[in-house]
Protein backbone atom coordinates (compact mmCIF):
# COMPACT_ATOMS: atom_id res chain seq x y z
CA MET A 1 16.14 121.56 71.15
CA ASP A 2 17.31 124.63 69.24
CA GLU A 3 18.89 124.26 65.80
CA VAL A 4 22.43 125.58 65.33
CA ASP A 5 25.14 125.53 62.66
CA ASP A 6 27.45 122.57 62.12
CA ALA A 7 31.19 122.52 61.38
CA ASP A 8 34.06 120.06 61.15
CA LEU A 9 33.62 117.96 64.27
CA VAL A 10 35.73 115.48 66.18
CA VAL A 11 32.97 114.34 68.55
CA GLN A 12 29.42 114.16 67.21
CA ARG A 13 27.61 113.83 70.53
CA VAL A 14 29.14 115.85 73.34
CA ALA A 15 28.04 117.26 76.68
CA ALA A 16 29.71 120.08 78.61
CA LEU A 17 29.23 120.94 82.27
CA ASP A 18 29.80 124.27 83.98
CA LEU A 19 30.23 123.32 87.63
CA GLY A 20 29.44 125.08 90.87
CA LYS A 21 29.22 124.01 94.48
CA ALA A 22 25.44 123.60 94.64
CA GLY A 23 24.51 123.30 90.98
CA LEU A 24 25.72 122.96 87.42
CA GLU A 25 24.68 123.87 83.89
CA ALA A 26 24.77 121.11 81.28
CA CYS A 27 24.79 121.60 77.51
CA VAL A 28 24.27 118.69 75.08
CA ARG A 29 25.08 119.13 71.38
CA VAL A 30 24.11 116.40 68.90
CA PRO A 31 23.55 116.16 65.12
CA ASN A 32 20.18 117.18 63.71
CA PRO A 33 18.65 113.98 62.26
CA ARG A 34 16.33 115.93 59.95
CA ARG A 35 18.83 118.38 58.52
CA PRO A 36 22.33 116.97 57.82
CA GLY A 37 25.11 119.40 58.58
CA ARG A 38 23.13 121.15 61.30
CA ARG A 39 23.40 120.76 65.08
CA MET A 40 20.95 120.73 67.97
CA GLN A 41 21.70 121.74 71.53
CA GLU A 42 19.83 121.61 74.81
CA LEU A 43 20.64 123.30 78.11
CA ARG A 44 19.56 122.06 81.52
CA GLY A 45 20.43 122.94 85.10
CA TYR A 46 20.96 120.33 87.81
CA ALA A 47 21.84 120.34 91.48
CA THR A 48 25.04 118.55 92.43
CA THR A 49 23.31 116.06 94.74
CA THR A 50 23.65 112.38 93.91
CA ALA A 51 20.00 111.98 92.89
CA GLN A 52 20.19 114.94 90.51
CA LEU A 53 23.45 113.75 89.02
CA LEU A 54 21.95 110.32 88.35
CA ALA A 55 19.03 112.02 86.65
CA MET A 56 21.48 113.98 84.52
CA ALA A 57 23.30 110.75 83.65
CA ALA A 58 20.00 109.27 82.42
CA TRP A 59 19.41 112.41 80.32
CA LEU A 60 22.91 112.16 78.80
CA ARG A 61 22.40 108.48 78.09
CA GLN A 62 19.12 109.31 76.36
CA TRP A 63 21.02 111.53 73.88
CA GLN A 64 23.77 108.87 73.49
CA VAL A 65 26.46 111.31 74.56
CA GLN A 66 29.93 110.12 73.58
CA ARG A 67 31.99 112.45 75.78
CA VAL A 68 31.33 114.60 78.86
CA VAL A 69 33.66 117.57 79.30
CA MET A 70 33.94 119.65 82.47
CA GLU A 71 36.27 122.22 83.98
CA SER A 72 38.53 121.65 86.94
CA THR A 73 36.66 124.03 89.24
CA SER A 74 38.11 123.79 92.75
CA THR A 75 37.19 120.32 94.09
CA TYR A 76 33.61 120.50 92.84
CA TRP A 77 34.47 118.47 89.75
CA LYS A 78 35.49 115.36 91.68
CA GLY A 79 32.07 114.09 92.74
CA VAL A 80 30.56 114.77 89.32
CA TYR A 81 33.49 113.24 87.46
CA TYR A 82 33.67 110.10 89.61
CA LEU A 83 29.92 109.49 89.41
CA LEU A 84 29.75 109.89 85.62
CA GLU A 85 32.89 107.78 85.26
CA ALA A 86 31.21 105.02 87.27
CA GLU A 87 28.14 105.33 85.03
CA GLY A 88 30.30 104.47 82.02
CA PHE A 89 30.76 107.90 80.39
CA ASP A 90 33.97 109.02 78.75
CA CYS A 91 34.81 112.04 80.95
CA TRP A 92 37.31 114.76 80.17
CA LEU A 93 38.61 117.24 82.71
CA VAL A 94 39.98 120.41 81.11
CA ASN A 95 41.77 123.50 82.34
CA ALA A 96 39.40 126.48 82.38
CA ARG A 97 42.22 128.83 81.43
CA GLU A 98 42.71 126.99 78.15
CA VAL A 99 39.07 127.09 77.02
CA LYS A 100 37.75 130.41 78.32
CA ASN A 101 40.47 132.90 77.49
CA VAL A 102 38.46 134.68 74.80
CA PRO A 103 38.02 138.47 75.15
CA GLY A 104 34.54 139.88 74.65
CA ARG A 105 32.66 136.63 75.16
CA ALA A 106 29.59 136.66 77.41
CA LYS A 107 30.39 135.27 80.87
CA THR A 108 27.46 133.36 82.33
CA ASP A 109 27.15 129.75 83.48
CA ARG A 110 24.94 128.80 80.54
CA ALA A 111 27.15 130.60 78.03
CA ASP A 112 30.21 128.87 79.50
CA ALA A 113 28.57 125.46 79.11
CA VAL A 114 27.70 126.15 75.45
CA TRP A 115 31.17 127.47 74.70
CA LEU A 116 32.85 124.48 76.35
CA ALA A 117 30.65 122.10 74.32
CA LYS A 118 31.62 123.85 71.07
CA VAL A 119 35.29 123.73 71.94
CA ALA A 120 35.11 120.07 72.92
CA GLU A 121 33.23 118.86 69.84
CA ARG A 122 35.87 120.40 67.57
CA GLY A 123 38.78 118.87 69.47
CA MET A 124 40.11 122.26 70.57
CA CYS A 125 40.87 121.20 74.16
CA ARG A 126 42.96 118.53 75.76
CA PRO A 127 42.12 116.48 78.84
CA SER A 128 43.94 116.67 82.14
CA LEU A 129 45.25 113.47 83.64
CA VAL A 130 42.90 111.98 86.24
CA GLN A 131 44.48 109.03 87.96
CA PRO A 132 42.71 105.66 88.32
CA PRO A 133 41.00 104.91 91.66
CA GLY A 134 43.95 102.98 93.10
CA ILE A 135 46.36 105.87 92.62
CA ARG A 136 43.76 108.38 93.84
CA GLN A 137 43.28 106.50 97.09
CA LEU A 138 47.02 106.15 97.62
CA ARG A 139 47.49 109.86 96.92
CA ASP A 140 44.81 110.78 99.49
CA LEU A 141 46.60 108.72 102.12
CA THR A 142 50.10 110.00 101.39
CA ARG A 143 49.06 113.65 101.12
CA TYR A 144 47.13 113.51 104.37
CA ARG A 145 50.08 111.82 106.05
CA ARG A 146 52.33 114.61 104.82
CA ALA A 147 49.91 117.19 106.20
CA LEU A 148 49.88 115.43 109.58
CA VAL A 149 53.67 115.36 109.68
CA GLN A 150 53.69 119.10 109.06
CA ASP A 151 51.10 119.61 111.81
CA ARG A 152 53.22 117.60 114.25
CA THR A 153 56.30 119.61 113.32
CA ARG A 154 54.44 122.86 113.98
CA GLU A 155 53.27 121.55 117.36
CA GLN A 156 56.81 120.56 118.30
CA GLN A 157 58.08 123.98 117.28
CA ARG A 158 55.48 125.54 119.59
CA VAL A 159 56.92 123.44 122.42
CA GLU A 160 60.37 124.88 121.82
CA LYS A 161 59.00 128.43 121.77
CA LEU A 162 57.14 127.78 125.03
CA LEU A 163 60.34 126.55 126.71
CA GLU A 164 62.20 129.60 125.44
CA ASP A 165 59.48 131.74 126.98
CA ALA A 166 60.28 130.04 130.31
CA GLN A 167 64.06 130.51 129.80
CA ILE A 168 64.58 126.75 129.41
CA LYS A 169 67.50 126.23 126.98
CA ILE A 170 67.71 122.44 126.64
CA SER A 171 67.00 122.66 122.91
CA ALA A 172 70.43 124.28 122.56
CA VAL A 173 72.02 121.23 124.19
CA LEU A 174 69.96 118.29 122.91
CA SER A 175 69.99 117.47 119.23
CA ASN A 176 66.38 116.25 119.48
CA LEU A 177 64.18 118.04 121.98
CA HIS A 178 61.47 115.39 121.56
CA GLY A 179 63.79 112.43 122.03
CA VAL A 180 63.88 110.17 125.06
CA THR A 181 65.87 112.61 127.22
CA GLY A 182 63.95 115.73 126.25
CA ARG A 183 60.59 114.05 126.68
CA ALA A 184 61.51 112.70 130.12
CA MET A 185 62.57 116.15 131.28
CA MET A 186 59.43 117.84 129.95
CA GLU A 187 57.17 115.26 131.58
CA ALA A 188 59.00 115.70 134.87
CA ARG A 189 58.51 119.47 134.56
CA ILE A 190 54.80 118.93 134.01
CA ALA A 191 54.65 116.62 137.04
CA GLY A 192 56.01 119.44 139.23
CA GLU A 193 59.76 118.82 139.35
CA ARG A 194 61.70 122.09 139.25
CA ASP A 195 65.19 121.19 140.48
CA PRO A 196 67.66 121.49 137.55
CA ARG A 197 70.04 118.87 138.98
CA THR A 198 67.29 116.28 139.39
CA LEU A 199 66.01 117.00 135.89
CA ALA A 200 69.52 116.77 134.38
CA ALA A 201 69.91 113.34 135.98
CA LEU A 202 67.15 112.07 133.70
CA ALA A 203 69.52 112.24 130.70
CA LYS A 204 69.79 109.03 128.70
CA ALA A 205 72.49 107.52 126.47
CA SER A 206 74.90 110.07 124.98
CA ALA A 207 73.06 112.96 126.67
CA ARG A 208 74.63 111.87 129.99
CA LYS A 209 77.89 113.45 128.83
CA LYS A 210 76.12 116.83 128.75
CA THR A 211 74.77 116.79 132.31
CA ASP A 212 76.47 120.03 133.30
CA ARG A 213 75.21 121.88 130.23
CA LEU A 214 71.73 120.44 130.70
CA GLU A 215 71.64 121.54 134.32
CA GLU A 216 72.55 125.05 133.28
CA GLY A 217 69.99 125.05 130.46
CA LEU A 218 67.26 123.85 132.83
CA ARG A 219 67.54 126.88 135.08
CA GLY A 220 64.62 129.15 134.30
CA PHE A 221 61.21 130.25 135.53
CA PHE A 222 59.01 127.38 134.37
CA THR A 223 55.61 127.76 136.07
CA ASP A 224 52.37 125.82 136.33
CA HIS A 225 51.04 128.04 133.55
CA HIS A 226 53.76 126.74 131.21
CA ALA A 227 53.12 123.18 132.41
CA THR A 228 49.43 123.33 131.46
CA ILE A 229 50.15 124.52 127.93
CA LEU A 230 53.08 122.12 127.50
CA GLN A 231 50.89 119.16 128.46
CA MET A 232 48.36 120.12 125.78
CA MET A 233 51.09 120.48 123.16
CA LEU A 234 52.61 117.10 123.97
CA ASP A 235 49.18 115.45 123.93
CA ASN A 236 48.50 116.91 120.48
CA SER A 237 51.88 115.72 119.24
CA ASP A 238 51.24 112.19 120.54
CA ARG A 239 47.77 112.14 119.02
CA ILE A 240 49.11 113.14 115.61
CA SER A 241 51.90 110.55 115.89
CA ALA A 242 49.31 107.84 116.52
CA GLN A 243 47.36 108.96 113.45
CA ILE A 244 50.51 108.90 111.34
CA GLY A 245 51.18 105.35 112.51
CA ALA A 246 47.66 104.31 111.50
CA LEU A 247 48.13 105.94 108.10
CA ASP A 248 51.41 104.09 107.62
CA ALA A 249 49.54 100.81 108.01
CA ARG A 250 46.88 101.89 105.49
CA ILE A 251 49.54 103.07 103.04
CA GLU A 252 51.29 99.72 103.28
CA GLU A 253 48.03 98.02 102.33
CA ALA A 254 47.24 100.47 99.53
CA ILE A 255 50.67 100.11 97.95
CA GLY A 256 50.22 96.35 97.63
CA PRO A 257 49.29 96.44 93.90
CA PHE A 258 52.39 98.56 93.26
CA SER A 259 54.82 96.54 95.38
CA GLN A 260 57.04 95.79 92.39
CA HIS A 261 57.44 99.49 91.63
CA ALA A 262 57.98 100.35 95.29
CA ALA A 263 60.77 97.76 95.48
CA ARG A 264 62.47 99.37 92.49
CA LEU A 265 62.23 102.81 94.05
CA ALA A 266 63.66 101.43 97.30
CA ASP A 267 66.99 101.06 95.46
CA ILE A 268 67.39 104.84 95.77
CA PRO A 269 69.42 105.74 98.89
CA GLY A 270 67.17 107.03 101.66
CA VAL A 271 63.87 105.88 100.12
CA ASN A 272 61.68 103.75 102.38
CA THR A 273 58.20 102.30 101.91
CA VAL A 274 56.37 105.53 102.74
CA THR A 275 58.60 107.61 100.46
CA ALA A 276 58.15 105.13 97.61
CA ALA A 277 54.39 105.31 98.12
CA GLU A 278 54.50 109.10 97.90
CA LEU A 279 56.53 108.97 94.69
CA ILE A 280 54.11 106.51 93.11
CA ALA A 281 51.08 108.50 94.28
CA GLU A 282 52.40 111.80 92.89
CA SER A 283 53.86 110.52 89.63
CA GLY A 284 50.88 108.33 88.83
CA ARG A 285 51.93 106.09 85.99
CA THR A 286 53.74 103.21 87.63
CA ALA A 287 54.77 101.47 84.40
CA ALA A 288 57.45 104.11 83.92
CA LEU A 289 59.10 103.09 87.18
CA LEU A 290 60.13 99.72 85.72
CA ARG A 291 62.41 101.33 83.17
CA ARG A 292 66.15 101.60 83.52
CA SER A 293 66.26 105.15 84.91
CA PRO A 294 63.65 105.49 87.66
CA LEU A 295 63.84 109.28 87.91
CA ARG A 296 64.55 112.23 85.71
CA THR A 297 63.83 115.96 85.67
CA VAL A 298 60.81 117.44 83.93
CA HIS A 299 59.53 121.01 83.90
CA ALA A 300 56.38 122.48 85.37
CA THR A 301 56.04 125.45 83.05
CA CYS A 302 52.45 126.45 83.82
CA ARG A 303 52.01 128.17 87.16
CA GLY A 304 48.91 127.29 89.13
CA THR A 305 48.29 123.93 87.45
CA ARG A 306 48.03 120.56 89.14
CA LEU A 307 51.31 119.72 87.42
CA LYS A 308 53.05 122.24 89.66
CA GLN A 309 51.26 120.88 92.73
CA ALA A 310 52.30 117.30 91.97
CA ALA A 311 55.76 118.50 90.98
CA ARG A 312 56.24 120.32 94.27
CA ALA A 313 55.16 117.25 96.21
CA SER A 314 57.52 114.97 94.27
CA ARG A 315 60.39 117.42 94.75
CA ASP A 316 59.82 117.55 98.50
CA VAL A 317 59.64 113.77 98.76
CA VAL A 318 62.87 113.15 96.86
CA LEU A 319 64.86 115.85 98.64
CA ALA A 320 63.62 114.76 102.06
CA ALA A 321 64.53 111.17 101.30
CA CYS A 322 68.03 111.96 100.05
CA VAL A 323 69.02 114.90 102.26
CA CYS A 324 70.91 112.76 104.78
CA GLU A 325 72.87 110.99 102.06
CA LEU A 326 73.75 114.27 100.36
CA GLU A 327 74.74 116.12 103.53
CA ALA A 328 76.93 113.24 104.61
CA ARG A 329 78.93 113.36 101.39
CA GLY A 330 78.83 117.14 100.84
CA SER A 331 79.37 116.90 97.10
CA ARG A 332 77.59 116.03 93.88
CA ARG A 333 75.84 112.75 94.42
CA CYS A 334 74.14 110.52 91.85
CA VAL A 335 70.89 109.58 93.56
CA SER A 336 69.64 107.68 90.52
CA ASP A 337 70.51 107.30 86.86
CA GLY A 338 68.83 110.55 85.94
CA PHE A 339 68.65 112.79 89.04
CA TYR A 340 71.65 114.68 90.40
CA CYS A 341 71.91 117.38 93.04
CA ARG A 342 74.36 118.79 95.57
CA ALA A 343 74.02 119.27 99.30
CA ALA A 344 74.67 122.98 98.90
CA ASP A 345 71.66 123.26 96.59
CA LEU A 346 69.13 121.76 98.99
CA ALA A 347 68.19 125.05 100.63
CA CYS A 348 67.43 126.86 97.38
CA PHE A 349 66.40 124.05 95.04
CA GLY A 350 63.08 125.00 93.51
CA GLY A 351 63.04 128.43 95.17
CA ARG A 352 61.49 131.44 93.49
CA ASP A 353 64.84 133.00 92.57
CA SER A 354 66.91 129.85 92.17
CA ARG A 355 68.49 129.08 88.80
CA GLN A 356 70.91 126.22 89.30
CA GLN A 357 73.23 124.78 86.68
CA TRP A 358 72.33 121.11 86.51
CA PRO A 359 73.62 118.33 84.23
CA GLY A 360 72.07 118.75 80.82
CA GLY A 361 71.55 122.50 81.05
CA ARG A 362 69.64 125.06 83.08
CA ARG A 363 66.53 124.07 85.02
CA SER A 364 63.57 126.25 85.93
CA ALA A 365 62.54 126.91 89.51
CA THR A 366 59.78 124.35 89.21
CA SER A 367 61.91 121.58 87.72
CA VAL A 368 61.42 118.46 89.78
CA PRO A 369 62.30 114.77 89.76
CA THR A 370 59.56 112.51 88.44
CA PRO A 371 59.56 109.04 86.86
CA VAL A 372 60.82 108.69 83.31
CA GLY A 373 58.16 108.49 80.63
CA ILE A 374 55.73 110.95 82.21
CA ALA A 375 55.21 113.98 80.04
CA ALA A 376 54.26 117.34 81.47
CA ALA A 377 50.79 117.12 79.92
CA ASP A 378 50.22 113.74 81.57
CA LEU A 379 50.43 115.27 85.04
CA ARG A 380 48.03 118.14 84.49
């Protein structure tokens, strides 16, 4: 090890990692046992494979490292962080923008590792919040479910565009193109039926009152070419729906440890089990949900941070859950003790240029509802 100067330290034995996809640079800084007030440091490079990471963990344990600090580089930090966490190390994840914004400093992987170790040992950085395994697993499930719902919506929108291409206008008559009536008509089209009157007779429930309009909207030039593509689109939509159903079952199992908090969130109008799971997964700290006011507004002031990502997800969940209630009333509605909004604000809430006047003062474009007791720094 090389000998270096000492200073006022918060952590005596620290390790810093500069992460990449295939490899990382590790810097360990410890006190010099022979010369009090002086420091020693050692730099090593490791691959990010499991075997190499375990070897690095043994090396860190040899130097009795008290804290391992790393940057939140893409998703590369996750495997390293989780493995070292399982090995019993106190891991800190820090924002690279907060520790590297120094003009004139050399920019190499090894230099970054040394600089991060110096910053960490003096307490000049703060850790980002990394949720416990239970919340992480629930968040993976809810975020993937949300992505699948978006994929299904895109596929259903493609169906409507395809029908418009064939001059089929039933989406202007039916409130839900993919409901029972719309699906029956599309399947009959795929099967070869082209007579508008026969297709209109497939209407179900309240759609039977619109038979004349449906018959007119079904007149077009739907061909076998359209039928082939439509069949593929419907198959994709059904496949995604089946996956969403499977995820719903997994989410219901994963939310078991947080059932008490989910029940409290269910008191909000429009919030079901899946929505409650998304709120818990995005907000993280479930203890806050047991307080009197389940939701309040906090600010995501730093663009590009995970706070903004979690904030955007929480905002979408709450607005989607309450949109029906708000539109039905058309006025200011108290969704919970601490979260208010109006139906007229739904379209622009959180937009780039939106600056709404909310109770308690102005709110930024990234202001979102999250559980009480969660500070902005806790979500980073």
